[in-house]
Protein backbone atom coordinates (compact mmCIF):
# COMPACT_ATOMS: atom_id res chain seq x y z
CA UNK A 1 1.95 -7.48 -34.40
CA UNK A 2 3.82 -4.23 -35.11
CA UNK A 3 1.30 -2.29 -33.00
CA UNK A 4 1.90 -4.69 -30.09
CA UNK A 5 5.64 -4.18 -30.38
CA UNK A 6 5.30 -0.40 -30.48
CA UNK A 7 3.01 -0.43 -27.43
CA UNK A 8 5.32 -2.69 -25.45
CA UNK A 9 8.41 -0.69 -26.31
CA UNK A 10 6.73 2.64 -25.58
CA UNK A 11 5.66 1.35 -22.18
CA UNK A 12 9.12 0.10 -21.25
CA UNK A 13 11.17 2.83 -22.87
CA UNK A 14 10.35 5.73 -20.58
CA UNK A 15 12.67 8.73 -20.38
CA UNK A 16 16.32 8.17 -21.16
CA UNK A 17 19.14 9.46 -19.02
CA UNK A 18 22.82 9.67 -19.82
CA UNK A 19 24.02 9.07 -16.26
CA UNK A 20 21.54 6.95 -14.33
CA UNK A 21 22.21 6.63 -10.62
CA UNK A 22 22.35 3.21 -8.98
CA UNK A 23 19.36 2.47 -6.79
CA UNK A 24 21.09 1.71 -3.51
CA UNK A 25 18.19 1.88 -1.05
CA UNK A 26 18.69 -1.42 0.83
CA UNK A 27 15.20 -1.42 2.33
CA UNK A 28 13.69 -1.17 -1.17
CA UNK A 29 15.26 -4.51 -2.10
CA UNK A 30 13.55 -6.04 0.96
CA UNK A 31 10.23 -4.68 -0.34
CA UNK A 32 10.88 -6.15 -3.81
CA UNK A 33 11.58 -9.56 -2.25
CA UNK A 34 8.27 -9.32 -0.37
CA UNK A 35 6.11 -8.47 -3.41
CA UNK A 36 7.61 -10.81 -6.00
CA UNK A 37 5.89 -13.94 -4.63
CA UNK A 38 2.58 -12.03 -4.91
CA UNK A 39 2.90 -11.67 -8.71
CA UNK A 40 0.66 -14.39 -10.20
CA UNK A 41 2.01 -14.31 -13.79
CA UNK A 42 5.61 -14.65 -12.67
CA UNK A 43 4.87 -17.48 -10.29
CA UNK A 44 2.95 -19.44 -12.95
CA UNK A 45 5.80 -20.56 -15.21
CA UNK A 46 9.03 -18.65 -14.67
CA UNK A 47 12.19 -20.52 -13.76
CA UNK A 48 14.68 -17.72 -14.33
CA UNK A 49 13.42 -14.18 -13.89
CA UNK A 50 14.31 -11.26 -16.13
CA UNK A 51 14.03 -7.76 -14.71
CA UNK A 52 14.19 -4.48 -16.51
CA UNK A 53 17.48 -2.86 -15.39
CA UNK A 54 15.92 0.59 -15.11
CA UNK A 55 13.12 1.40 -12.71
CA UNK A 56 9.74 2.26 -14.15
CA UNK A 57 6.77 4.08 -12.70
CA UNK A 58 3.09 4.57 -13.19
CA UNK A 59 0.99 7.63 -12.60
CA UNK A 60 0.02 7.70 -8.95
CA UNK A 61 -3.55 6.57 -8.52
CA UNK A 62 -3.60 5.48 -4.87
CA UNK A 63 -6.09 7.56 -2.91
CA UNK A 64 -6.25 6.54 0.75
CA UNK A 65 -9.41 7.27 2.70
CA UNK A 66 -9.04 10.05 5.26
CA UNK A 67 -8.36 7.59 8.09
CA UNK A 68 -5.32 6.20 6.20
CA UNK A 69 -4.01 9.44 4.72
CA UNK A 70 -1.45 10.10 7.48
CA UNK A 71 -0.26 6.49 7.37
CA UNK A 72 0.01 5.96 3.59
CA UNK A 73 0.24 9.57 2.31
CA UNK A 74 3.95 10.15 3.08
CA UNK A 75 4.95 6.94 1.26
CA UNK A 76 2.87 7.99 -1.75
CA UNK A 77 4.54 11.42 -1.79
CA UNK A 78 7.99 9.79 -1.57
CA UNK A 79 7.07 7.40 -4.43
CA UNK A 80 6.06 10.34 -6.63
CA UNK A 81 9.29 12.23 -5.86
CA UNK A 82 11.67 9.26 -6.32
CA UNK A 83 10.05 8.18 -9.57
CA UNK A 84 10.59 11.49 -11.31
CA UNK A 85 13.74 9.84 -12.63
CA UNK A 86 14.84 6.33 -13.49
CA UNK A 87 17.27 4.41 -11.34
CA UNK A 88 19.55 1.50 -12.24
CA UNK A 89 18.63 -1.58 -10.23
CA UNK A 90 21.45 -3.59 -8.72
CA UNK A 91 21.77 -7.37 -8.27
CA UNK A 92 20.65 -7.18 -4.64
CA UNK A 93 17.38 -9.11 -4.78
CA UNK A 94 17.09 -11.75 -2.07
CA UNK A 95 14.78 -14.16 -3.87
CA UNK A 96 14.80 -17.91 -4.39
CA UNK A 97 14.72 -17.75 -8.21
CA UNK A 98 17.72 -17.08 -10.39
CA UNK A 99 17.45 -13.73 -12.15
CA UNK A 100 19.16 -11.31 -14.48
CA UNK A 101 18.69 -7.76 -15.69
CA UNK A 102 17.91 -6.57 -19.21
CA UNK A 103 18.51 -2.99 -20.32
CA UNK A 104 15.60 -1.27 -22.02
CA UNK A 105 17.67 -0.71 -25.16
CA UNK A 106 18.38 -4.45 -25.46
CA UNK A 107 14.72 -5.25 -24.89
CA UNK A 108 13.80 -2.82 -27.68
CA UNK A 109 16.34 -4.45 -29.99
CA UNK A 110 14.81 -7.87 -29.31
CA UNK A 111 11.35 -6.56 -30.14
CA UNK A 112 12.66 -4.92 -33.31
CA UNK A 113 14.29 -8.18 -34.36
CA UNK A 114 11.34 -10.50 -33.85
CA UNK A 115 8.88 -9.30 -31.24
CA UNK A 116 8.04 -11.33 -28.20
CA UNK A 117 8.90 -14.51 -30.09
CA UNK A 118 12.51 -13.34 -30.22
CA UNK A 119 12.42 -12.36 -26.55
CA UNK A 120 11.27 -15.86 -25.58
CA UNK A 121 13.88 -17.47 -27.84
CA UNK A 122 16.53 -15.70 -25.76
CA UNK A 123 14.78 -15.94 -22.38
CA UNK A 124 12.63 -19.09 -22.71
CA UNK A 125 11.93 -19.72 -19.02
CA UNK A 126 11.49 -16.12 -17.92
CA UNK A 127 7.70 -15.84 -17.86
CA UNK A 128 8.09 -12.33 -19.30
CA UNK A 129 9.85 -9.15 -18.29
CA UNK A 130 9.38 -7.70 -14.80
CA UNK A 131 9.69 -3.98 -14.19
CA UNK A 132 9.84 -2.36 -10.75
CA UNK A 133 9.46 1.21 -9.59
CA UNK A 134 11.58 2.91 -7.00
CA UNK A 135 9.94 2.33 -3.60
CA UNK A 136 8.30 5.19 -1.75
CA UNK A 137 8.56 5.09 2.05
CA UNK A 138 7.09 7.00 4.95
CA UNK A 139 9.55 8.78 7.25
CA UNK A 140 10.42 5.81 9.48
CA UNK A 141 10.36 3.27 6.62
CA UNK A 142 7.49 1.22 8.01
CA UNK A 143 5.11 1.85 5.07
CA UNK A 144 6.11 1.25 1.44
CA UNK A 145 4.49 1.94 -1.93
CA UNK A 146 5.79 0.19 -5.06
CA UNK A 147 4.63 -0.47 -8.63
CA UNK A 148 5.35 -3.78 -10.38
CA UNK A 149 4.72 -4.79 -13.97
CA UNK A 150 5.01 -8.21 -15.54
CA UNK A 151 4.78 -7.99 -19.32
CA UNK A 152 4.60 -11.32 -21.11
CA UNK A 153 3.55 -10.40 -24.66
CA UNK A 154 1.89 -7.79 -26.80
CA UNK A 155 -1.45 -8.39 -25.14
CA UNK A 156 -0.27 -10.17 -22.00
CA UNK A 157 0.69 -8.42 -18.81
CA UNK A 158 -0.31 -6.95 -15.50
CA UNK A 159 0.74 -3.88 -13.53
CA UNK A 160 -0.26 -3.03 -9.99
CA UNK A 161 0.61 -0.98 -6.95
CA UNK A 162 1.42 -2.64 -3.64
CA UNK A 163 1.18 -0.95 -0.25
CA UNK A 164 3.12 -2.76 2.45
CA UNK A 165 3.78 -2.35 6.15
CA UNK A 166 6.80 -3.59 8.08
CA UNK A 167 5.58 -5.65 11.04
CA UNK A 168 7.99 -7.47 13.33
CA UNK A 169 10.79 -6.89 10.82
CA UNK A 170 8.90 -8.32 7.82
CA UNK A 171 7.14 -6.59 4.93
CA UNK A 172 3.52 -7.61 4.42
CA UNK A 173 0.54 -6.20 2.51
CA UNK A 174 -1.15 -3.38 4.39
CA UNK A 175 -4.92 -3.60 4.75
CA UNK A 176 -5.87 -0.02 4.03
CA UNK A 177 -8.96 1.69 2.70
CA UNK A 178 -9.15 3.88 -0.35
CA UNK A 179 -8.93 3.52 -4.10
CA UNK A 180 -6.23 2.04 -6.27
CA UNK A 181 -5.69 1.06 -9.87
CA UNK A 182 -4.08 -1.68 -11.89
CA UNK A 183 -4.02 -2.80 -15.50
CA UNK A 184 -4.07 -6.19 -17.17
CA UNK A 185 -4.21 -7.41 -20.73
């Protein structure tokens, strides 16, 4: 149990910053709203979502095939640059579910107090804790790259990259070729 708590906290802790900037990129919040319905763990049981206040990131592992490099490559590069620091997410998510934010330090305190059992005592209908990266865009903001994690216990969670394209004013998954990565436990 202690090992699970340490692993979960280490994953969510990330670097600390004294003065974290607000993440004010309006188009990024549109991307978040587009990917959240794609998250199978969240959709399964959550009635009130809990998001990590601070952005998170994952080592870039998207490798587009040559034919998609010029289309996806700039968004990947922007993702890498933006995610060199953490950002404070704002309550700007346009989603149907109610939601709230939880600071990493408060999440760590919950785990210290009683692990995931304590987390679920305080957030019983959350389905876990969702963490989002800053969104990388190409130059004209028609391609987006974002990382999402849903952690639901010491050995329960999933993290994956999404690549989206804006078509007719709406964000949708881009069918691209190349390699990607994800994790699940």
